[in-house]
Amino acid sequence: MSWDGELEDFKSKIDLREYATGQGYTLDRRESWRGSAVMRHGGDKVVIKLNSNGHYIYFSVRDERDNGTIVDFVQFRKRLSLGEVRKELRPWIGRAATSLPRFAKLEKTAKDRLRVETEYRRMKEAHRHPYLEEDRAVPAHILQSDRFAGMVRIDMHGNAVFPHFDQLGLCGYELKNRNFTGFAPGGEKGLWSSHEKAGDGRLVYAEGAIDALSHAALFPDDGARYKSIGGQTNPRQPDLIHAEVLRMRGGSEIVAAMDADEAGRAFSDLVKQAVARADRADLSFRIHVPEREGNDWNQILKERRHSFPVARL
């Protein structure tokens, strides 16, 4: 085996998640998805992925200097020379099964998606958000609820950040603020989502994440999960909408809670088509839009803001 060949084997043949588990790290299942594993140990929090070259790579959420392959992972934590790292990792090449847990295969991550996730993971969860609460009238208890906690973040500019997911995990994020709308550089739109619960019997689709939060505030429902498409759709989103419909349990209702305008009616038709494609008699479909033409659910929420308790920021 060549010298460089050995390093290549370390990077591609040793599952960094298994090695990290052997060093005391545990998997955070709530924050992990098919393309990313979040692992914690003490105050350390790392994200492990598989890049397009087939190398296991990681980055620390706490320290921007702490990133790279398994070689960097070992060197950063154990302060070993490269020769000592080789001795540390050689037993892991083709090692026999142990009591360490086995992990499902990680999906490879393209370079742009890695950039998107690196930026996103370093943003703080928005348990409170001045723009959403003051300008958009979203009650703090909605942001802090089990349904939505962690699904809205805040970046260094104070923007509200709404992550989008596809079949592989995080694919981009929306940015919203006063007189500003943006999207993650290099990212793609998928679906923004609330958390899910096993007994959910309603799936509510909205045009934007703020409209979904507004609908949840206006019509509380502990059995409803929420998705948003983020405005104008791309060619991949209809299949994502359809896949989420298929995942609902029997007897569920699918709701298109769009804006009361021409675009909203087109989006409602898109959801209706996804339900029809599911070809499941055990699902029902309903359109729920504001009564006044041109309104969206956030406008309705702002009109009724005095009906909700307001917590001081």
Protein backbone atom coordinates (compact mmCIF):
# COMPACT_ATOMS: atom_id res chain seq x y z
CA MET A 1 0.00 0.00 0.00
CA SER A 2 1.40 3.39 -0.93
CA TRP A 3 1.79 6.12 1.64
CA ASP A 4 -0.93 8.28 0.03
CA GLY A 5 -3.05 5.20 -0.55
CA GLU A 6 -3.16 4.60 3.17
CA LEU A 7 -4.43 8.13 3.83
CA GLU A 8 -7.03 7.64 1.10
CA ASP A 9 -8.27 4.48 2.82
CA PHE A 10 -8.50 6.28 6.15
CA LYS A 11 -10.66 8.99 4.59
CA SER A 12 -12.96 6.74 2.58
CA LYS A 13 -13.08 3.37 4.34
CA ILE A 14 -13.40 4.45 7.97
CA ASP A 15 -16.90 5.65 8.81
CA LEU A 16 -16.15 8.79 10.78
CA ARG A 17 -19.44 8.37 12.66
CA GLU A 18 -18.26 5.02 14.01
CA TYR A 19 -14.87 6.37 14.95
CA ALA A 20 -16.48 9.37 16.70
CA THR A 21 -18.76 7.02 18.62
CA GLY A 22 -15.67 5.20 19.85
CA GLN A 23 -14.40 8.54 21.15
CA GLY A 24 -17.56 9.21 23.17
CA TYR A 25 -19.69 11.08 20.63
CA THR A 26 -23.40 10.32 20.32
CA LEU A 27 -25.75 10.86 17.38
CA ASP A 28 -28.29 13.67 17.64
CA ARG A 29 -31.13 12.04 15.71
CA ARG A 30 -33.38 15.08 15.72
CA GLU A 31 -30.81 17.22 13.90
CA SER A 32 -29.53 14.50 11.56
CA TRP A 33 -30.86 13.49 8.14
CA ARG A 34 -29.85 11.22 5.24
CA GLY A 35 -26.97 13.40 4.11
CA SER A 36 -25.76 14.63 7.51
CA ALA A 37 -25.04 13.21 10.93
CA VAL A 38 -24.87 15.58 13.89
CA MET A 39 -22.84 14.19 16.79
CA ARG A 40 -22.17 15.63 20.23
CA HIS A 41 -19.63 15.06 22.97
CA GLY A 42 -19.45 17.37 25.96
CA GLY A 43 -19.50 20.88 24.52
CA ASP A 44 -18.46 19.75 21.03
CA LYS A 45 -20.95 19.48 18.18
CA VAL A 46 -19.84 18.24 14.76
CA VAL A 47 -21.60 17.60 11.46
CA ILE A 48 -20.36 14.56 9.50
CA LYS A 49 -21.01 14.16 5.77
CA LEU A 50 -19.82 12.17 2.76
CA ASN A 51 -18.43 14.40 0.02
CA SER A 52 -18.54 13.82 -3.73
CA ASN A 53 -15.10 12.14 -3.59
CA GLY A 54 -16.39 9.50 -1.18
CA HIS A 55 -14.48 10.95 1.78
CA TYR A 56 -16.06 11.25 5.21
CA ILE A 57 -15.69 14.90 6.21
CA TYR A 58 -16.78 16.94 9.19
CA PHE A 59 -16.99 20.45 10.53
CA SER A 60 -17.43 21.73 14.06
CA VAL A 61 -20.35 24.04 14.74
CA ARG A 62 -18.40 25.64 17.59
CA ASP A 63 -15.01 26.25 15.96
CA GLU A 64 -14.54 27.29 12.31
CA ARG A 65 -10.92 26.02 12.36
CA ASP A 66 -12.03 22.50 13.20
CA ASN A 67 -12.96 20.75 9.93
CA GLY A 68 -11.69 18.30 7.33
CA THR A 69 -11.37 14.51 7.09
CA ILE A 70 -10.91 11.86 9.77
CA VAL A 71 -7.18 12.70 9.77
CA ASP A 72 -7.97 16.28 10.79
CA PHE A 73 -10.57 15.05 13.30
CA VAL A 74 -7.93 12.95 15.09
CA GLN A 75 -5.18 15.54 14.90
CA PHE A 76 -7.37 18.35 16.22
CA ARG A 77 -8.63 16.35 19.20
CA LYS A 78 -5.61 14.27 20.15
CA ARG A 79 -2.83 16.63 19.06
CA LEU A 80 -1.02 13.78 17.28
CA SER A 81 1.57 13.94 14.53
CA LEU A 82 0.65 12.47 11.15
CA GLY A 83 2.67 9.38 11.91
CA GLU A 84 0.84 8.93 15.21
CA VAL A 85 -2.50 9.40 13.43
CA ARG A 86 -1.57 6.57 11.08
CA LYS A 87 -0.94 4.27 14.06
CA GLU A 88 -4.24 5.36 15.59
CA LEU A 89 -6.28 4.63 12.46
CA ARG A 90 -4.62 1.52 11.01
CA PRO A 91 -6.62 -0.85 13.26
CA TRP A 92 -9.81 0.68 11.79
CA ILE A 93 -9.02 -0.42 8.23
CA GLY A 94 -11.05 -3.56 7.74
CA ARG A 95 -11.53 -4.01 11.46
CA ALA A 96 -13.86 -6.76 12.59
CA ALA A 97 -17.36 -6.03 13.82
CA THR A 98 -17.45 -4.52 17.29
CA SER A 99 -20.06 -3.41 19.78
CA LEU A 100 -20.07 0.05 18.20
CA PRO A 101 -23.37 0.93 16.46
CA ARG A 102 -23.66 0.61 12.70
CA PHE A 103 -25.02 3.58 10.77
CA ALA A 104 -27.13 3.81 7.64
CA LYS A 105 -25.20 4.83 4.54
CA LEU A 106 -24.65 8.58 4.20
CA GLU A 107 -25.70 10.14 0.90
CA LYS A 108 -22.90 12.01 -0.89
CA THR A 109 -23.01 15.78 -0.59
CA ALA A 110 -22.18 18.15 -3.45
CA LYS A 111 -19.85 21.07 -2.80
CA ASP A 112 -22.59 23.73 -2.94
CA ARG A 113 -24.76 21.83 -0.47
CA LEU A 114 -21.83 21.51 1.91
CA ARG A 115 -21.38 25.29 1.79
CA VAL A 116 -25.11 25.79 2.46
CA GLU A 117 -25.10 23.45 5.44
CA THR A 118 -21.87 24.85 6.91
CA GLU A 119 -23.37 28.34 6.95
CA TYR A 120 -26.74 27.16 8.24
CA ARG A 121 -25.44 25.04 11.10
CA ARG A 122 -23.62 28.03 12.57
CA MET A 123 -26.77 30.13 12.81
CA LYS A 124 -28.64 30.31 16.10
CA GLU A 125 -32.10 28.92 16.64
CA ALA A 126 -34.61 31.78 16.82
CA HIS A 127 -36.64 31.17 19.96
CA ARG A 128 -37.44 34.88 19.69
CA HIS A 129 -37.23 37.02 16.57
CA PRO A 130 -37.86 40.80 16.49
CA TYR A 131 -38.84 40.90 12.80
CA LEU A 132 -41.25 37.98 13.02
CA GLU A 133 -42.83 39.14 16.26
CA GLU A 134 -42.95 42.90 15.70
CA ASP A 135 -43.38 43.22 11.92
CA ARG A 136 -45.18 39.95 11.17
CA ALA A 137 -47.12 39.51 14.45
CA VAL A 138 -46.01 35.88 14.88
CA PRO A 139 -46.46 35.12 18.60
CA ALA A 140 -43.35 34.03 20.50
CA HIS A 141 -45.14 30.93 21.75
CA ILE A 142 -45.44 29.70 18.16
CA LEU A 143 -41.68 29.99 17.57
CA GLN A 144 -41.00 28.23 20.88
CA SER A 145 -43.57 25.45 20.44
CA ASP A 146 -42.62 21.80 19.97
CA ARG A 147 -43.98 22.05 16.44
CA PHE A 148 -41.70 24.87 15.27
CA ALA A 149 -38.77 25.18 17.70
CA GLY A 150 -35.51 24.96 15.76
CA MET A 151 -37.15 25.34 12.35
CA VAL A 152 -36.49 29.08 12.28
CA ARG A 153 -32.99 30.47 12.76
CA ILE A 154 -31.41 33.91 12.85
CA ASP A 155 -28.22 34.87 11.02
CA MET A 156 -25.58 37.48 11.82
CA HIS A 157 -27.61 40.15 9.99
CA GLY A 158 -30.76 39.47 12.01
CA ASN A 159 -32.56 37.77 9.11
CA ALA A 160 -35.16 35.12 9.80
CA VAL A 161 -33.84 31.90 8.24
CA PHE A 162 -36.15 29.12 7.05
CA PRO A 163 -34.39 25.87 6.02
CA HIS A 164 -35.55 23.95 2.94
CA PHE A 165 -35.26 20.18 2.69
CA ASP A 166 -35.44 17.62 -0.10
CA GLN A 167 -35.02 13.83 -0.11
CA LEU A 168 -31.36 14.13 0.94
CA GLY A 169 -31.73 16.75 3.65
CA LEU A 170 -30.93 20.45 3.79
CA CYS A 171 -30.79 21.92 0.27
CA GLY A 172 -31.12 25.67 0.94
CA TYR A 173 -32.73 28.31 3.11
CA GLU A 174 -34.92 31.37 2.73
CA LEU A 175 -33.93 34.70 4.28
CA LYS A 176 -36.59 37.17 5.38
CA ASN A 177 -36.35 40.58 6.99
CA ARG A 178 -37.77 44.07 6.76
CA ASN A 179 -37.80 44.94 3.01
CA PHE A 180 -35.55 41.97 2.24
CA THR A 181 -36.04 38.50 0.79
CA GLY A 182 -33.14 36.23 -0.16
CA PHE A 183 -32.04 32.63 -0.57
CA ALA A 184 -28.90 30.70 0.30
CA PRO A 185 -26.13 31.16 -2.31
CA GLY A 186 -25.69 27.85 -4.11
CA GLY A 187 -28.85 26.41 -2.54
CA GLU A 188 -32.05 25.10 -4.09
CA LYS A 189 -35.63 25.30 -2.96
CA GLY A 190 -37.18 22.21 -1.45
CA LEU A 191 -39.85 22.41 1.26
CA TRP A 192 -39.70 24.23 4.57
CA SER A 193 -41.20 22.02 7.26
CA SER A 194 -42.39 22.04 10.82
CA HIS A 195 -41.57 19.15 13.12
CA GLU A 196 -43.70 16.05 12.78
CA LYS A 197 -45.55 13.94 15.34
CA ALA A 198 -46.52 10.31 14.94
CA GLY A 199 -50.24 10.98 15.33
CA ASP A 200 -50.52 13.89 12.90
CA GLY A 201 -53.75 13.80 10.91
CA ARG A 202 -53.48 17.03 8.95
CA LEU A 203 -50.88 18.36 6.51
CA VAL A 204 -51.08 22.10 5.80
CA TYR A 205 -49.31 23.57 2.77
CA ALA A 206 -48.67 27.33 2.62
CA GLU A 207 -46.90 29.53 0.10
CA GLY A 208 -44.30 30.76 2.58
CA ALA A 209 -43.02 29.76 5.99
CA ILE A 210 -44.39 32.96 7.57
CA ASP A 211 -47.84 32.14 6.21
CA ALA A 212 -47.55 28.63 7.69
CA LEU A 213 -46.62 30.08 11.09
CA SER A 214 -49.50 32.53 10.78
CA HIS A 215 -51.99 29.77 9.95
CA ALA A 216 -50.81 27.80 12.98
CA ALA A 217 -51.33 30.85 15.20
CA LEU A 218 -54.79 31.57 13.79
CA PHE A 219 -56.04 27.97 13.79
CA PRO A 220 -54.24 26.01 16.54
CA ASP A 221 -54.16 22.28 15.83
CA ASP A 222 -51.87 19.96 17.76
CA GLY A 223 -52.31 17.30 15.08
CA ALA A 224 -51.25 19.42 12.11
CA ARG A 225 -47.84 19.48 10.45
CA TYR A 226 -46.87 22.32 8.12
CA LYS A 227 -44.95 22.69 4.87
CA SER A 228 -44.24 25.67 2.64
CA ILE A 229 -43.02 25.88 -0.93
CA GLY A 230 -41.34 29.28 -0.65
CA GLY A 231 -43.21 31.00 -3.48
CA GLN A 232 -42.62 30.20 -7.14
CA THR A 233 -41.97 26.49 -7.53
CA ASN A 234 -39.10 24.73 -9.28
CA PRO A 235 -39.39 21.45 -11.26
CA ARG A 236 -38.40 19.29 -8.27
CA GLN A 237 -40.95 20.57 -5.77
CA PRO A 238 -44.10 18.83 -7.11
CA ASP A 239 -42.49 15.45 -6.40
CA LEU A 240 -41.52 16.61 -2.90
CA ILE A 241 -45.11 17.74 -2.24
CA HIS A 242 -46.40 14.39 -3.50
CA ALA A 243 -43.95 12.42 -1.34
CA GLU A 244 -45.08 14.23 1.80
CA VAL A 245 -48.74 13.53 0.98
CA LEU A 246 -47.95 9.82 0.65
CA ARG A 247 -46.36 9.79 4.10
CA MET A 248 -49.55 10.86 5.87
CA ARG A 249 -51.46 8.20 7.79
CA GLY A 250 -54.89 6.99 6.72
CA GLY A 251 -57.75 9.39 7.39
CA SER A 252 -55.55 12.49 7.12
CA GLU A 253 -56.63 15.77 5.59
CA ILE A 254 -54.39 17.69 3.19
CA VAL A 255 -54.99 21.46 3.30
CA ALA A 256 -53.89 24.02 0.72
CA ALA A 257 -53.69 27.23 2.81
CA MET A 258 -52.53 29.58 0.07
CA ASP A 259 -53.03 33.26 -0.70
CA ALA A 260 -56.36 34.49 -2.02
CA ASP A 261 -55.10 35.41 -5.47
CA GLU A 262 -54.35 33.91 -8.86
CA ALA A 263 -50.93 32.57 -7.84
CA GLY A 264 -52.40 31.06 -4.68
CA ARG A 265 -55.05 29.26 -6.70
CA ALA A 266 -52.35 27.81 -8.94
CA PHE A 267 -50.41 26.58 -5.89
CA SER A 268 -53.60 25.04 -4.47
CA ASP A 269 -54.09 23.18 -7.75
CA LEU A 270 -50.53 21.88 -7.45
CA VAL A 271 -51.27 20.40 -4.03
CA LYS A 272 -54.61 19.04 -5.28
CA GLN A 273 -52.79 17.27 -8.12
CA ALA A 274 -50.31 15.78 -5.63
CA VAL A 275 -53.21 14.34 -3.61
CA ALA A 276 -54.80 12.96 -6.79
CA ARG A 277 -51.49 11.32 -7.76
CA ALA A 278 -51.40 9.61 -4.37
CA ASP A 279 -54.57 7.75 -5.41
CA ARG A 280 -55.55 7.13 -1.79
CA ALA A 281 -59.21 7.09 -0.88
CA ASP A 282 -58.24 7.42 2.78
CA LEU A 283 -57.00 11.01 2.30
CA SER A 284 -59.13 14.13 1.93
CA PHE A 285 -58.28 17.50 0.42
CA ARG A 286 -59.47 21.01 1.30
CA ILE A 287 -58.63 24.52 0.15
CA HIS A 288 -58.48 27.13 2.91
CA VAL A 289 -57.80 30.72 1.85
CA PRO A 290 -58.59 34.15 3.34
CA GLU A 291 -62.04 35.49 2.45
CA ARG A 292 -60.84 38.76 0.94
CA GLU A 293 -59.22 38.60 -2.49
CA GLY A 294 -55.53 39.44 -2.37
CA ASN A 295 -55.02 38.59 1.29
CA ASP A 296 -52.63 36.06 2.77
CA TRP A 297 -52.65 34.44 6.20
CA ASN A 298 -50.02 36.74 7.61
CA GLN A 299 -52.13 39.77 6.73
CA ILE A 300 -55.02 38.21 8.63
CA LEU A 301 -52.75 37.51 11.59
CA LYS A 302 -51.51 41.11 11.68
CA GLU A 303 -55.08 42.38 11.67
CA ARG A 304 -55.84 40.16 14.66
CA ARG A 305 -52.55 40.66 16.51
CA HIS A 306 -54.31 42.09 19.57
CA SER A 307 -56.08 38.75 20.07
CA PHE A 308 -52.75 37.14 21.00
CA PRO A 309 -50.69 37.69 24.13
CA VAL A 310 -47.53 39.65 23.28
CA ALA A 311 -44.33 38.83 25.15
CA ARG A 312 -41.72 41.53 25.48
CA LEU A 313 -38.49 41.02 23.56
